[in-house]
Amino acid sequence: MVNLEKNWYVVNTYASHEQKVKDNIIRRIESMNMQDFIFRVIVASYEEPVKKDGVIVPGKYKTKNMYPGYIFIEMIMTDEAWYVVRNTPGVTGFIGSSGKGTKPFPVSAIEMESVLKRVGLSENTSTSEYKVGDTIRIINGPFIDQVCVIDAIDSEKSLLSFKTIIFGREQTIQVSASDVEKYS
């Protein structure tokens, strides 16, 4: 029996070929008419400022992969969809499959939500899961990996405020709820 539920799967690729493999998968989806079974293909990457001689070059960024060698695919795992993805040039396999013709296990929704938040594609940008005094970790933007405590919440704009020291002075910073995760 085929599970007709959309799930996320992790695909192995050659390191530094993730974008090329993503493009190949998207072309195969179109050419093999698989749009009803394979939905989103994501390379988890972020922009990092370019530094020259220890100084940030204004307006220059380079793309860095958060998970080198991996691509995330939202799909319905049918025999045809599985075949299309695993036989795409550059795909070395699915994570969660022992090989020998066994289909992989999907990534849990909780784990995938964290990945989607990091790349700014999370559908859960609500501030309702946070309260003043919660400890959070920044997962996107210039304060990435900073751990801080929420001072204020703007639910209408989905913004969280925290205080940090910049150039020796305390500053209040606002970040989107999609750019943070709870820290424990």
N, C-alpha and C. Protein backbone atom coordinates (compact mmCIF):
# COMPACT_ATOMS: atom_id res chain seq x y z
N MET A 1 0.85 -1.18 0.00
CA MET A 1 0.00 0.00 0.00
C MET A 1 0.89 1.25 0.00
N VAL A 2 0.56 2.21 -0.83
CA VAL A 2 1.35 3.43 -0.97
C VAL A 2 0.82 4.48 -0.01
N ASN A 3 1.75 5.12 0.72
CA ASN A 3 1.39 6.21 1.62
C ASN A 3 1.30 7.49 0.79
N LEU A 4 0.11 8.06 0.66
CA LEU A 4 -0.07 9.25 -0.16
C LEU A 4 0.02 10.54 0.65
N GLU A 5 0.86 10.52 1.66
CA GLU A 5 1.05 11.68 2.52
C GLU A 5 2.37 12.37 2.16
N LYS A 6 2.33 13.72 2.14
CA LYS A 6 3.56 14.49 1.89
C LYS A 6 4.46 14.39 3.10
N ASN A 7 5.73 14.09 2.86
CA ASN A 7 6.73 14.06 3.92
C ASN A 7 8.02 14.63 3.40
N TRP A 8 8.92 14.95 4.31
CA TRP A 8 10.25 15.44 3.96
C TRP A 8 11.25 14.29 4.04
N TYR A 9 12.16 14.26 3.08
CA TYR A 9 13.21 13.26 3.03
C TYR A 9 14.55 13.96 2.81
N VAL A 10 15.61 13.31 3.26
CA VAL A 10 16.96 13.86 3.09
C VAL A 10 17.68 13.01 2.06
N VAL A 11 18.28 13.70 1.08
CA VAL A 11 18.99 13.03 -0.01
C VAL A 11 20.47 13.38 0.09
N ASN A 12 21.31 12.36 -0.06
CA ASN A 12 22.77 12.55 -0.09
C ASN A 12 23.20 12.95 -1.49
N THR A 13 24.14 13.90 -1.55
CA THR A 13 24.73 14.30 -2.83
C THR A 13 26.24 14.41 -2.62
N TYR A 14 26.95 14.66 -3.69
CA TYR A 14 28.37 14.96 -3.55
C TYR A 14 28.48 16.35 -2.94
N ALA A 15 29.41 16.51 -1.99
CA ALA A 15 29.59 17.81 -1.34
C ALA A 15 29.94 18.87 -2.38
N SER A 16 29.40 20.04 -2.20
CA SER A 16 29.54 21.22 -3.06
C SER A 16 28.84 21.07 -4.42
N HIS A 17 28.04 20.03 -4.59
CA HIS A 17 27.23 19.85 -5.80
C HIS A 17 25.74 19.97 -5.51
N GLU A 18 25.40 20.44 -4.31
CA GLU A 18 24.00 20.45 -3.88
C GLU A 18 23.10 21.25 -4.82
N GLN A 19 23.52 22.46 -5.19
CA GLN A 19 22.68 23.30 -6.04
C GLN A 19 22.51 22.68 -7.43
N LYS A 20 23.57 22.11 -7.96
CA LYS A 20 23.50 21.47 -9.28
C LYS A 20 22.54 20.27 -9.24
N VAL A 21 22.62 19.48 -8.17
CA VAL A 21 21.73 18.32 -8.04
C VAL A 21 20.28 18.79 -7.86
N LYS A 22 20.07 19.86 -7.08
CA LYS A 22 18.72 20.42 -6.92
C LYS A 22 18.16 20.81 -8.29
N ASP A 23 18.96 21.51 -9.09
CA ASP A 23 18.52 21.92 -10.43
C ASP A 23 18.19 20.71 -11.29
N ASN A 24 19.00 19.65 -11.21
CA ASN A 24 18.75 18.41 -11.96
C ASN A 24 17.42 17.78 -11.53
N ILE A 25 17.18 17.75 -10.21
CA ILE A 25 15.93 17.15 -9.71
C ILE A 25 14.73 17.96 -10.21
N ILE A 26 14.83 19.27 -10.16
CA ILE A 26 13.72 20.12 -10.62
C ILE A 26 13.45 19.91 -12.11
N ARG A 27 14.51 19.80 -12.90
CA ARG A 27 14.33 19.52 -14.34
C ARG A 27 13.65 18.17 -14.56
N ARG A 28 14.06 17.17 -13.78
CA ARG A 28 13.46 15.83 -13.93
C ARG A 28 11.99 15.83 -13.49
N ILE A 29 11.66 16.61 -12.46
CA ILE A 29 10.27 16.70 -12.00
C ILE A 29 9.40 17.21 -13.15
N GLU A 30 9.89 18.25 -13.85
CA GLU A 30 9.13 18.82 -14.96
C GLU A 30 9.09 17.88 -16.16
N SER A 31 10.23 17.32 -16.53
CA SER A 31 10.28 16.49 -17.74
C SER A 31 9.55 15.16 -17.56
N MET A 32 9.49 14.66 -16.32
CA MET A 32 8.83 13.38 -16.07
C MET A 32 7.43 13.56 -15.47
N ASN A 33 6.96 14.83 -15.44
CA ASN A 33 5.61 15.16 -14.99
C ASN A 33 5.32 14.64 -13.57
N MET A 34 6.22 14.96 -12.63
CA MET A 34 6.08 14.48 -11.26
C MET A 34 5.66 15.58 -10.27
N GLN A 35 5.10 16.69 -10.78
CA GLN A 35 4.72 17.82 -9.93
C GLN A 35 3.69 17.45 -8.85
N ASP A 36 2.92 16.40 -9.07
CA ASP A 36 1.91 15.99 -8.10
C ASP A 36 2.49 15.11 -6.99
N PHE A 37 3.78 14.76 -7.11
CA PHE A 37 4.40 13.86 -6.14
C PHE A 37 5.65 14.44 -5.48
N ILE A 38 6.35 15.32 -6.17
CA ILE A 38 7.56 15.94 -5.63
C ILE A 38 7.32 17.44 -5.62
N PHE A 39 7.37 18.05 -4.43
CA PHE A 39 6.91 19.42 -4.27
C PHE A 39 8.04 20.44 -4.09
N ARG A 40 8.77 20.34 -3.00
CA ARG A 40 9.83 21.32 -2.73
C ARG A 40 11.17 20.62 -2.62
N VAL A 41 12.19 21.26 -3.20
CA VAL A 41 13.56 20.77 -3.11
C VAL A 41 14.38 21.92 -2.52
N ILE A 42 15.02 21.67 -1.38
CA ILE A 42 15.70 22.73 -0.66
C ILE A 42 17.17 22.39 -0.40
N VAL A 43 18.03 23.34 -0.72
CA VAL A 43 19.42 23.29 -0.29
C VAL A 43 19.49 24.28 0.87
N ALA A 44 19.78 23.80 2.06
CA ALA A 44 19.83 24.67 3.25
C ALA A 44 21.12 25.48 3.21
N SER A 45 20.98 26.75 2.82
CA SER A 45 22.17 27.60 2.72
C SER A 45 21.87 28.97 3.30
N TYR A 46 22.91 29.73 3.51
CA TYR A 46 22.78 31.08 4.04
C TYR A 46 23.85 31.97 3.42
N GLU A 47 23.62 33.26 3.48
CA GLU A 47 24.57 34.23 2.95
C GLU A 47 25.51 34.67 4.06
N GLU A 48 26.79 34.66 3.75
CA GLU A 48 27.80 35.08 4.72
C GLU A 48 28.58 36.25 4.13
N PRO A 49 28.80 37.32 4.91
CA PRO A 49 29.55 38.45 4.38
C PRO A 49 30.98 38.04 4.02
N VAL A 50 31.49 38.60 2.92
CA VAL A 50 32.86 38.33 2.50
C VAL A 50 33.80 39.21 3.30
N LYS A 51 34.88 38.59 3.80
CA LYS A 51 35.89 39.35 4.54
C LYS A 51 37.18 39.36 3.75
N LYS A 52 37.83 40.52 3.75
CA LYS A 52 39.14 40.64 3.12
C LYS A 52 40.06 41.31 4.13
N ASP A 53 41.14 40.65 4.45
CA ASP A 53 42.08 41.13 5.46
C ASP A 53 41.39 41.41 6.79
N GLY A 54 40.42 40.55 7.15
CA GLY A 54 39.72 40.67 8.42
C GLY A 54 38.62 41.72 8.45
N VAL A 55 38.37 42.40 7.33
CA VAL A 55 37.35 43.45 7.26
C VAL A 55 36.23 42.99 6.32
N ILE A 56 34.99 43.21 6.75
CA ILE A 56 33.84 42.84 5.92
C ILE A 56 33.76 43.76 4.71
N VAL A 57 33.64 43.15 3.52
CA VAL A 57 33.51 43.91 2.28
C VAL A 57 32.02 44.25 2.11
N PRO A 58 31.67 45.54 2.10
CA PRO A 58 30.25 45.92 2.00
C PRO A 58 29.60 45.41 0.70
N GLY A 59 28.41 44.84 0.85
CA GLY A 59 27.64 44.40 -0.31
C GLY A 59 28.09 43.09 -0.93
N LYS A 60 29.13 42.45 -0.39
CA LYS A 60 29.63 41.18 -0.94
C LYS A 60 29.28 40.04 0.01
N TYR A 61 28.65 39.00 -0.55
CA TYR A 61 28.26 37.84 0.25
C TYR A 61 28.61 36.57 -0.51
N LYS A 62 28.86 35.49 0.23
CA LYS A 62 29.05 34.19 -0.39
C LYS A 62 28.06 33.22 0.25
N THR A 63 27.59 32.27 -0.55
CA THR A 63 26.61 31.30 -0.08
C THR A 63 27.34 30.13 0.58
N LYS A 64 26.89 29.77 1.78
CA LYS A 64 27.46 28.65 2.52
C LYS A 64 26.35 27.65 2.79
N ASN A 65 26.65 26.38 2.68
CA ASN A 65 25.69 25.33 2.97
C ASN A 65 25.70 24.99 4.46
N MET A 66 24.52 24.90 5.05
CA MET A 66 24.42 24.50 6.45
C MET A 66 24.66 23.00 6.60
N TYR A 67 24.27 22.25 5.59
CA TYR A 67 24.39 20.79 5.62
C TYR A 67 25.07 20.32 4.33
N PRO A 68 26.38 20.44 4.25
CA PRO A 68 27.07 20.04 3.02
C PRO A 68 26.81 18.57 2.67
N GLY A 69 26.47 18.36 1.40
CA GLY A 69 26.22 17.01 0.93
C GLY A 69 24.79 16.54 1.09
N TYR A 70 23.89 17.43 1.51
CA TYR A 70 22.50 17.03 1.74
C TYR A 70 21.52 17.99 1.08
N ILE A 71 20.40 17.43 0.60
CA ILE A 71 19.29 18.19 0.04
C ILE A 71 18.03 17.68 0.72
N PHE A 72 17.07 18.56 0.95
CA PHE A 72 15.80 18.20 1.58
C PHE A 72 14.71 18.23 0.51
N ILE A 73 13.90 17.17 0.45
CA ILE A 73 12.86 17.05 -0.57
C ILE A 73 11.52 16.72 0.08
N GLU A 74 10.51 17.55 -0.25
CA GLU A 74 9.15 17.28 0.20
C GLU A 74 8.46 16.51 -0.92
N MET A 75 8.00 15.31 -0.61
CA MET A 75 7.43 14.46 -1.66
C MET A 75 6.49 13.42 -1.08
N ILE A 76 5.69 12.86 -1.97
CA ILE A 76 4.89 11.68 -1.65
C ILE A 76 5.70 10.50 -2.15
N MET A 77 6.03 9.57 -1.26
CA MET A 77 6.94 8.48 -1.58
C MET A 77 6.21 7.36 -2.34
N THR A 78 6.14 7.55 -3.66
CA THR A 78 5.63 6.49 -4.53
C THR A 78 6.83 5.83 -5.21
N ASP A 79 6.62 4.70 -5.84
CA ASP A 79 7.71 4.03 -6.55
C ASP A 79 8.30 4.95 -7.62
N GLU A 80 7.42 5.66 -8.34
CA GLU A 80 7.88 6.52 -9.43
C GLU A 80 8.67 7.72 -8.90
N ALA A 81 8.16 8.37 -7.86
CA ALA A 81 8.84 9.54 -7.29
C ALA A 81 10.20 9.13 -6.71
N TRP A 82 10.23 8.01 -6.05
CA TRP A 82 11.48 7.49 -5.47
C TRP A 82 12.49 7.23 -6.58
N TYR A 83 12.03 6.61 -7.67
CA TYR A 83 12.89 6.32 -8.82
C TYR A 83 13.46 7.60 -9.43
N VAL A 84 12.59 8.61 -9.62
CA VAL A 84 13.02 9.88 -10.24
C VAL A 84 14.14 10.52 -9.41
N VAL A 85 13.96 10.58 -8.10
CA VAL A 85 14.96 11.25 -7.26
C VAL A 85 16.25 10.44 -7.16
N ARG A 86 16.14 9.16 -6.84
CA ARG A 86 17.38 8.39 -6.60
C ARG A 86 18.19 8.15 -7.86
N ASN A 87 17.58 8.29 -9.03
CA ASN A 87 18.32 8.11 -10.28
C ASN A 87 18.70 9.45 -10.93
N THR A 88 18.62 10.52 -10.18
CA THR A 88 19.06 11.83 -10.66
C THR A 88 20.58 11.89 -10.56
N PRO A 89 21.27 12.35 -11.60
CA PRO A 89 22.73 12.46 -11.53
C PRO A 89 23.17 13.29 -10.32
N GLY A 90 24.12 12.76 -9.57
CA GLY A 90 24.64 13.44 -8.39
C GLY A 90 24.01 12.98 -7.09
N VAL A 91 22.87 12.29 -7.14
CA VAL A 91 22.24 11.76 -5.94
C VAL A 91 22.93 10.44 -5.59
N THR A 92 23.43 10.35 -4.35
CA THR A 92 24.11 9.12 -3.94
C THR A 92 23.21 8.24 -3.08
N GLY A 93 22.05 8.73 -2.69
CA GLY A 93 21.11 7.92 -1.93
C GLY A 93 20.24 8.76 -1.02
N PHE A 94 19.31 8.09 -0.36
CA PHE A 94 18.43 8.71 0.63
C PHE A 94 18.95 8.37 2.02
N ILE A 95 18.84 9.31 2.93
CA ILE A 95 19.15 9.03 4.34
C ILE A 95 17.94 8.28 4.91
N GLY A 96 18.20 7.23 5.68
CA GLY A 96 17.11 6.46 6.27
C GLY A 96 16.69 5.28 5.42
N SER A 97 17.51 4.94 4.42
CA SER A 97 17.25 3.77 3.60
C SER A 97 18.46 2.87 3.69
N SER A 98 18.23 1.59 3.90
CA SER A 98 19.35 0.67 4.01
C SER A 98 19.86 0.22 2.65
N GLY A 99 19.25 0.77 1.60
CA GLY A 99 19.63 0.34 0.26
C GLY A 99 18.88 -0.92 -0.10
N LYS A 100 19.35 -1.64 -1.09
CA LYS A 100 18.75 -2.91 -1.51
C LYS A 100 17.25 -2.78 -1.79
N GLY A 101 16.85 -1.61 -2.31
CA GLY A 101 15.46 -1.44 -2.72
C GLY A 101 14.50 -1.02 -1.62
N THR A 102 15.00 -0.73 -0.42
CA THR A 102 14.09 -0.30 0.65
C THR A 102 13.91 1.21 0.61
N LYS A 103 12.69 1.63 0.80
CA LYS A 103 12.39 3.07 0.78
C LYS A 103 12.80 3.70 2.10
N PRO A 104 13.16 4.99 2.05
CA PRO A 104 13.64 5.66 3.27
C PRO A 104 12.51 6.06 4.20
N PHE A 105 12.90 6.34 5.44
CA PHE A 105 11.96 6.87 6.42
C PHE A 105 11.95 8.39 6.29
N PRO A 106 10.79 9.02 6.47
CA PRO A 106 10.74 10.49 6.39
C PRO A 106 11.38 11.14 7.61
N VAL A 107 11.74 12.41 7.45
CA VAL A 107 12.26 13.22 8.55
C VAL A 107 11.06 13.65 9.39
N SER A 108 11.21 13.67 10.71
CA SER A 108 10.10 14.07 11.57
C SER A 108 9.77 15.55 11.34
N ALA A 109 8.51 15.90 11.56
CA ALA A 109 8.05 17.28 11.36
C ALA A 109 8.80 18.25 12.26
N ILE A 110 9.13 17.84 13.47
CA ILE A 110 9.84 18.71 14.42
C ILE A 110 11.25 19.01 13.90
N GLU A 111 11.96 17.98 13.44
CA GLU A 111 13.30 18.19 12.90
C GLU A 111 13.27 19.06 11.66
N MET A 112 12.29 18.84 10.80
CA MET A 112 12.21 19.60 9.56
C MET A 112 11.83 21.05 9.82
N GLU A 113 11.01 21.30 10.83
CA GLU A 113 10.63 22.67 11.16
C GLU A 113 11.87 23.49 11.52
N SER A 114 12.80 22.88 12.22
CA SER A 114 14.05 23.56 12.58
C SER A 114 14.86 23.93 11.33
N VAL A 115 14.94 23.02 10.37
CA VAL A 115 15.66 23.28 9.11
C VAL A 115 14.96 24.40 8.33
N LEU A 116 13.64 24.32 8.22
CA LEU A 116 12.89 25.33 7.47
C LEU A 116 13.02 26.71 8.12
N LYS A 117 13.04 26.75 9.44
CA LYS A 117 13.24 28.03 10.13
C LYS A 117 14.60 28.61 9.78
N ARG A 118 15.61 27.77 9.76
CA ARG A 118 16.98 28.24 9.50
C ARG A 118 17.13 28.84 8.11
N VAL A 119 16.36 28.34 7.14
CA VAL A 119 16.46 28.87 5.78
C VAL A 119 15.37 29.88 5.48
N GLY A 120 14.58 30.24 6.50
CA GLY A 120 13.56 31.28 6.33
C GLY A 120 12.33 30.81 5.60
N LEU A 121 12.06 29.52 5.59
CA LEU A 121 10.88 28.99 4.89
C LEU A 121 9.84 28.40 5.83
N SER A 122 9.99 28.68 7.11
CA SER A 122 9.07 28.11 8.09
C SER A 122 7.70 28.75 7.96
N GLU A 123 6.68 27.91 8.05
CA GLU A 123 5.31 28.42 8.05
C GLU A 123 4.90 28.80 9.46
N ASN A 124 5.69 28.40 10.44
CA ASN A 124 5.39 28.70 11.83
C ASN A 124 6.24 29.88 12.29
N THR A 125 5.78 31.09 12.03
CA THR A 125 6.50 32.28 12.45
C THR A 125 5.76 32.98 13.58
N SER A 126 4.93 32.23 14.27
CA SER A 126 4.13 32.77 15.35
C SER A 126 4.98 33.01 16.59
N THR A 127 4.63 34.04 17.33
CA THR A 127 5.32 34.32 18.59
C THR A 127 4.62 33.63 19.76
N SER A 128 3.52 32.91 19.48
CA SER A 128 2.72 32.32 20.56
C SER A 128 3.48 31.29 21.39
N GLU A 129 4.51 30.68 20.82
CA GLU A 129 5.25 29.67 21.58
C GLU A 129 6.29 30.30 22.52
N TYR A 130 6.44 31.63 22.48
CA TYR A 130 7.44 32.32 23.31
C TYR A 130 6.77 33.22 24.33
N LYS A 131 7.50 33.47 25.42
CA LYS A 131 7.03 34.44 26.42
C LYS A 131 8.23 35.23 26.92
N VAL A 132 8.00 36.40 27.46
CA VAL A 132 9.07 37.24 28.00
C VAL A 132 9.80 36.43 29.07
N GLY A 133 11.13 36.43 28.98
CA GLY A 133 11.96 35.68 29.92
C GLY A 133 12.47 34.36 29.36
N ASP A 134 11.90 33.90 28.23
CA ASP A 134 12.39 32.67 27.58
C ASP A 134 13.79 32.89 27.04
N THR A 135 14.59 31.84 27.10
CA THR A 135 15.93 31.88 26.50
C THR A 135 15.82 31.33 25.09
N ILE A 136 16.37 32.08 24.13
CA ILE A 136 16.32 31.69 22.72
C ILE A 136 17.72 31.72 22.13
N ARG A 137 17.86 31.06 20.99
CA ARG A 137 19.10 31.10 20.23
C ARG A 137 18.76 31.62 18.85
N ILE A 138 19.55 32.58 18.36
CA ILE A 138 19.34 33.15 17.03
C ILE A 138 19.89 32.15 16.01
N ILE A 139 19.08 31.82 14.99
CA ILE A 139 19.50 30.83 13.99
C ILE A 139 19.68 31.43 12.60
N ASN A 140 19.44 32.73 12.46
CA ASN A 140 19.59 33.41 11.17
C ASN A 140 19.98 34.86 11.41
N GLY A 141 20.71 35.44 10.48
CA GLY A 141 21.02 36.86 10.55
C GLY A 141 22.35 37.17 11.19
N PRO A 142 22.61 38.46 11.44
CA PRO A 142 23.92 38.88 11.92
C PRO A 142 24.23 38.42 13.35
N PHE A 143 23.23 38.04 14.14
CA PHE A 143 23.46 37.59 15.51
C PHE A 143 23.38 36.07 15.63
N ILE A 144 23.60 35.36 14.52
CA ILE A 144 23.46 33.90 14.49
C ILE A 144 24.26 33.25 15.63
N ASP A 145 23.66 32.27 16.26
CA ASP A 145 24.21 31.49 17.38
C ASP A 145 24.27 32.24 18.70
N GLN A 146 23.81 33.49 18.75
CA GLN A 146 23.78 34.21 20.02
C GLN A 146 22.62 33.69 20.85
N VAL A 147 22.88 33.45 22.12
CA VAL A 147 21.85 33.01 23.06
C VAL A 147 21.45 34.23 23.89
N CYS A 148 20.14 34.47 24.00
CA CYS A 148 19.68 35.66 24.71
C CYS A 148 18.32 35.40 25.35
N VAL A 149 17.86 36.37 26.12
CA VAL A 149 16.59 36.28 26.83
C VAL A 149 15.62 37.29 26.23
N ILE A 150 14.39 36.86 25.97
CA ILE A 150 13.37 37.73 25.38
C ILE A 150 12.96 38.80 26.38
N ASP A 151 13.00 40.08 25.92
CA ASP A 151 12.58 41.22 26.74
C ASP A 151 11.16 41.66 26.42
N ALA A 152 10.79 41.57 25.14
CA ALA A 152 9.46 42.02 24.70
C ALA A 152 9.04 41.24 23.47
N ILE A 153 7.73 41.18 23.23
CA ILE A 153 7.19 40.44 22.09
C ILE A 153 6.20 41.34 21.37
N ASP A 154 6.35 41.45 20.03
CA ASP A 154 5.40 42.16 19.17
C ASP A 154 4.68 41.10 18.33
N SER A 155 3.53 40.63 18.82
CA SER A 155 2.80 39.54 18.17
C SER A 155 2.31 39.91 16.78
N GLU A 156 1.90 41.17 16.58
CA GLU A 156 1.39 41.59 15.28
C GLU A 156 2.43 41.48 14.19
N LYS A 157 3.67 41.82 14.51
CA LYS A 157 4.75 41.79 13.52
C LYS A 157 5.61 40.54 13.64
N SER A 158 5.29 39.63 14.56
CA SER A 158 6.07 38.41 14.82
C SER A 158 7.53 38.73 15.13
N LEU A 159 7.74 39.73 15.99
CA LEU A 159 9.09 40.14 16.37
C LEU A 159 9.34 39.89 17.85
N LEU A 160 10.55 39.47 18.17
CA LEU A 160 10.99 39.27 19.55
C LEU A 160 12.12 40.25 19.81
N SER A 161 12.14 40.85 21.00
CA SER A 161 13.19 41.81 21.35
C SER A 161 14.08 41.22 22.43
N PHE A 162 15.37 41.55 22.35
CA PHE A 162 16.33 41.17 23.38
C PHE A 162 17.38 42.26 23.49
N LYS A 163 18.12 42.25 24.57
CA LYS A 163 19.18 43.24 24.77
C LYS A 163 20.54 42.56 24.57
N THR A 164 21.46 43.31 23.97
CA THR A 164 22.83 42.84 23.79
C THR A 164 23.77 44.03 23.88
N ILE A 165 25.03 43.76 24.06
CA ILE A 165 26.04 44.82 24.14
C ILE A 165 26.69 44.97 22.77
N ILE A 166 26.63 46.19 22.22
CA ILE A 166 27.27 46.51 20.95
C ILE A 166 28.13 47.74 21.19
N PHE A 167 29.41 47.64 20.88
CA PHE A 167 30.36 48.73 21.09
C PHE A 167 30.29 49.28 22.51
N GLY A 168 30.17 48.39 23.48
CA GLY A 168 30.20 48.78 24.88
C GLY A 168 28.90 49.36 25.43
N ARG A 169 27.85 49.40 24.61
CA ARG A 169 26.56 49.94 25.06
C ARG A 169 25.46 48.90 24.90
N GLU A 170 24.54 48.90 25.84
CA GLU A 170 23.41 47.99 25.75
C GLU A 170 22.43 48.48 24.68
N GLN A 171 22.06 47.59 23.76
CA GLN A 171 21.14 47.91 22.67
C GLN A 171 19.98 46.92 22.69
N THR A 172 18.80 47.38 22.31
CA THR A 172 17.65 46.49 22.14
C THR A 172 17.59 46.10 20.67
N ILE A 173 17.54 44.80 20.42
CA ILE A 173 17.51 44.25 19.06
C ILE A 173 16.20 43.51 18.87
N GLN A 174 15.61 43.63 17.68
CA GLN A 174 14.40 42.88 17.34
C GLN A 174 14.74 41.86 16.26
N VAL A 175 14.22 40.65 16.43
CA VAL A 175 14.41 39.60 15.42
C VAL A 175 13.06 38.95 15.14
N SER A 176 12.93 38.41 13.94
CA SER A 176 11.72 37.70 13.56
C SER A 176 11.64 36.38 14.32
N ALA A 177 10.43 35.98 14.66
CA ALA A 177 10.23 34.71 15.35
C ALA A 177 10.72 33.53 14.50
N SER A 178 10.77 33.72 13.19
CA SER A 178 11.26 32.64 12.32
C SER A 178 12.78 32.52 12.36
N ASP A 179 13.47 33.49 12.98
CA ASP A 179 14.92 33.47 13.03
C ASP A 179 15.46 33.00 14.37
N VAL A 180 14.60 32.43 15.22
CA VAL A 180 15.03 31.97 16.53
C VAL A 180 14.49 30.58 16.82
N GLU A 181 15.10 29.95 17.83
CA GLU A 181 14.56 28.69 18.33
C GLU A 181 14.72 28.71 19.85
N LYS A 182 13.88 27.95 20.53
CA LYS A 182 13.99 27.88 22.00
C LYS A 182 15.32 27.25 22.35
N TYR A 183 15.90 27.72 23.42
CA TYR A 183 17.20 27.23 23.87
C TYR A 183 17.01 26.64 25.26
N SER A 184 17.51 25.42 25.42
CA SER A 184 17.35 24.80 26.74
C SER A 184 18.65 24.37 27.33
